[in-house]
Amino acid sequence: MNEKEFFYELGKIVYQIDGIYESYVRNSYINSPNLLWILYSLNDDKEHSQKQICDDWDIPRSTANTIIKELEEKKYISLHQIKGKRRELNILLTKNGKEYANNLLKDLYSREKEVYKMINNPEETLKILNDLVSKLQIISKGEKI
């Protein structure tokens, strides 16, 4: 296998995985993939800023802002000032937001749990993928590895 074949196969795999999650969105009560990834990230019981979510999930800031405002209006999230950061807020699910996220994501979590059990070495898989992303980011900036 050469580099062209490798990245061709990698591209297919990445888009197939993305397509599986897109299909889940289409067949659920979630109205956009971006809402899925925002709820997914917030539902880990950790603090996240809008900037962090946008960077982690490659969601445009304006799109995330719209979704976050909608979630706040529905009282699914609360926003809290981050100490030392004037314009950045932590986003936390409220009790109702946690129930909403768990309800929308429970079937997805169940499917992921089944797949996880079938992966031989999940930590090594993530390490390899993260290493690949890091190298691609360096190269895409025109830097040398």
Protein backbone atom coordinates (compact mmCIF):
# COMPACT_ATOMS: atom_id res chain seq x y z
CA MET A 1 0.00 0.00 0.00
CA ASN A 2 1.30 3.46 -0.81
CA GLU A 3 0.34 6.81 0.74
CA LYS A 4 -2.38 7.54 -1.84
CA GLU A 5 -4.06 4.18 -1.24
CA PHE A 6 -3.73 4.60 2.53
CA PHE A 7 -5.42 8.00 2.60
CA TYR A 8 -8.04 6.88 0.10
CA GLU A 9 -9.01 3.98 2.39
CA LEU A 10 -8.78 6.20 5.47
CA GLY A 11 -11.07 8.76 3.83
CA LYS A 12 -13.66 6.11 3.06
CA ILE A 13 -13.55 4.84 6.65
CA VAL A 14 -13.88 8.34 8.13
CA TYR A 15 -16.83 9.20 5.88
CA GLN A 16 -18.53 5.88 6.57
CA ILE A 17 -18.27 6.51 10.32
CA ASP A 18 -19.55 10.06 9.83
CA GLY A 19 -22.40 8.67 7.71
CA ILE A 20 -23.41 6.26 10.46
CA TYR A 21 -23.75 9.14 12.94
CA GLU A 22 -25.55 11.28 10.32
CA SER A 23 -27.98 8.42 9.79
CA TYR A 24 -28.56 8.22 13.54
CA VAL A 25 -29.41 11.93 13.54
CA ARG A 26 -31.84 11.52 10.62
CA ASN A 27 -33.60 8.62 12.38
CA SER A 28 -33.84 10.30 15.78
CA TYR A 29 -35.39 13.39 17.27
CA ILE A 30 -32.13 15.29 16.93
CA ASN A 31 -32.47 17.98 14.29
CA SER A 32 -28.80 18.41 13.36
CA PRO A 33 -25.46 16.62 13.65
CA ASN A 34 -24.08 19.70 15.39
CA LEU A 35 -26.74 19.43 18.11
CA LEU A 36 -25.77 15.76 18.50
CA TRP A 37 -22.09 16.59 19.08
CA ILE A 38 -22.85 19.52 21.40
CA LEU A 39 -25.14 17.37 23.57
CA TYR A 40 -22.68 14.49 23.35
CA SER A 41 -19.86 16.65 24.65
CA LEU A 42 -21.92 18.32 27.38
CA ASN A 43 -23.27 14.98 28.60
CA ASP A 44 -19.91 13.84 29.98
CA ASP A 45 -20.38 15.66 33.32
CA LYS A 46 -17.40 17.93 32.67
CA GLU A 47 -17.21 21.64 32.06
CA HIS A 48 -16.89 22.81 28.47
CA SER A 49 -16.67 26.24 26.91
CA GLN A 50 -18.24 27.01 23.55
CA LYS A 51 -14.74 27.55 22.15
CA GLN A 52 -13.62 24.13 23.37
CA ILE A 53 -16.67 22.41 21.87
CA CYS A 54 -16.16 24.18 18.55
CA ASP A 55 -12.48 23.24 18.47
CA ASP A 56 -13.05 19.63 19.55
CA TRP A 57 -15.92 18.90 17.15
CA ASP A 58 -15.04 21.32 14.33
CA ILE A 59 -18.37 23.14 14.65
CA PRO A 60 -18.56 26.71 13.31
CA ARG A 61 -18.81 29.19 16.19
CA SER A 62 -21.94 30.83 14.78
CA THR A 63 -23.68 27.44 14.48
CA ALA A 64 -22.70 26.46 18.02
CA ASN A 65 -23.83 29.84 19.33
CA THR A 66 -27.28 29.39 17.76
CA ILE A 67 -27.68 25.89 19.21
CA ILE A 68 -26.43 26.97 22.63
CA LYS A 69 -28.86 29.90 22.71
CA GLU A 70 -31.72 27.52 21.84
CA LEU A 71 -30.66 25.09 24.58
CA GLU A 72 -30.42 27.97 27.06
CA GLU A 73 -33.90 29.25 26.12
CA LYS A 74 -35.29 25.76 26.78
CA LYS A 75 -33.44 25.73 30.13
CA TYR A 76 -31.40 22.67 29.13
CA ILE A 77 -28.10 24.40 29.87
CA SER A 78 -26.71 27.04 32.17
CA LEU A 79 -23.79 29.32 31.42
CA HIS A 80 -21.14 30.21 34.00
CA GLN A 81 -18.28 32.68 33.80
CA ILE A 82 -14.80 31.12 33.62
CA LYS A 83 -12.48 32.73 36.15
CA GLY A 84 -9.87 34.85 34.43
CA LYS A 85 -11.65 34.75 31.06
CA ARG A 86 -13.74 37.80 30.29
CA ARG A 87 -15.68 36.52 27.31
CA GLU A 88 -15.63 32.76 27.77
CA LEU A 89 -18.36 30.82 29.56
CA ASN A 90 -18.63 27.25 30.79
CA ILE A 91 -21.71 25.42 29.57
CA LEU A 92 -23.35 22.90 31.86
CA LEU A 93 -26.42 20.76 31.38
CA THR A 94 -29.21 21.47 33.84
CA LYS A 95 -31.14 18.58 35.38
CA ASN A 96 -33.72 18.86 32.59
CA GLY A 97 -30.92 19.14 30.04
CA LYS A 98 -29.29 15.97 31.35
CA GLU A 99 -32.60 14.11 31.03
CA TYR A 100 -33.08 15.54 27.52
CA ALA A 101 -29.56 14.53 26.43
CA ASN A 102 -29.78 11.07 27.99
CA ASN A 103 -33.14 10.47 26.32
CA LEU A 104 -31.89 11.55 22.88
CA LEU A 105 -28.58 9.72 23.14
CA LYS A 106 -29.51 6.52 25.02
CA ASP A 107 -29.88 4.42 21.86
CA LEU A 108 -26.61 5.76 20.46
CA TYR A 109 -24.81 5.02 23.73
CA SER A 110 -26.21 1.49 23.66
CA ARG A 111 -24.97 0.91 20.10
CA GLU A 112 -21.56 2.36 20.92
CA LYS A 113 -21.29 0.08 23.95
CA GLU A 114 -21.88 -2.98 21.77
CA VAL A 115 -19.23 -1.86 19.27
CA TYR A 116 -16.76 -0.98 22.04
CA LYS A 117 -16.94 -4.56 23.34
CA MET A 118 -15.81 -5.77 19.90
CA ILE A 119 -12.71 -3.57 19.68
CA ASN A 120 -9.58 -5.48 20.66
CA ASN A 121 -7.52 -2.56 21.95
CA PRO A 122 -9.53 0.69 22.16
CA GLU A 123 -6.73 2.69 23.81
CA GLU A 124 -4.24 1.76 21.10
CA THR A 125 -6.80 2.52 18.38
CA LEU A 126 -7.34 6.02 19.79
CA LYS A 127 -3.61 6.56 20.19
CA ILE A 128 -2.99 5.71 16.54
CA LEU A 129 -5.84 7.93 15.32
CA ASN A 130 -4.80 10.86 17.53
CA ASP A 131 -1.22 10.53 16.30
CA LEU A 132 -2.45 10.59 12.71
CA VAL A 133 -4.55 13.72 13.36
CA SER A 134 -1.60 15.47 15.05
CA LYS A 135 0.67 14.73 12.11
CA LEU A 136 -1.95 15.87 9.58
CA GLN A 137 -2.46 19.12 11.53
CA ILE A 138 1.28 19.82 11.54
CA ILE A 139 1.62 19.13 7.84
CA SER A 140 -1.50 21.17 6.97
CA LYS A 141 0.12 24.18 8.67
CA GLY A 142 3.15 23.78 6.41
CA GLU A 143 5.40 22.66 9.24
CA LYS A 144 7.78 19.71 9.28
CA ILE A 145 7.30 16.75 11.59
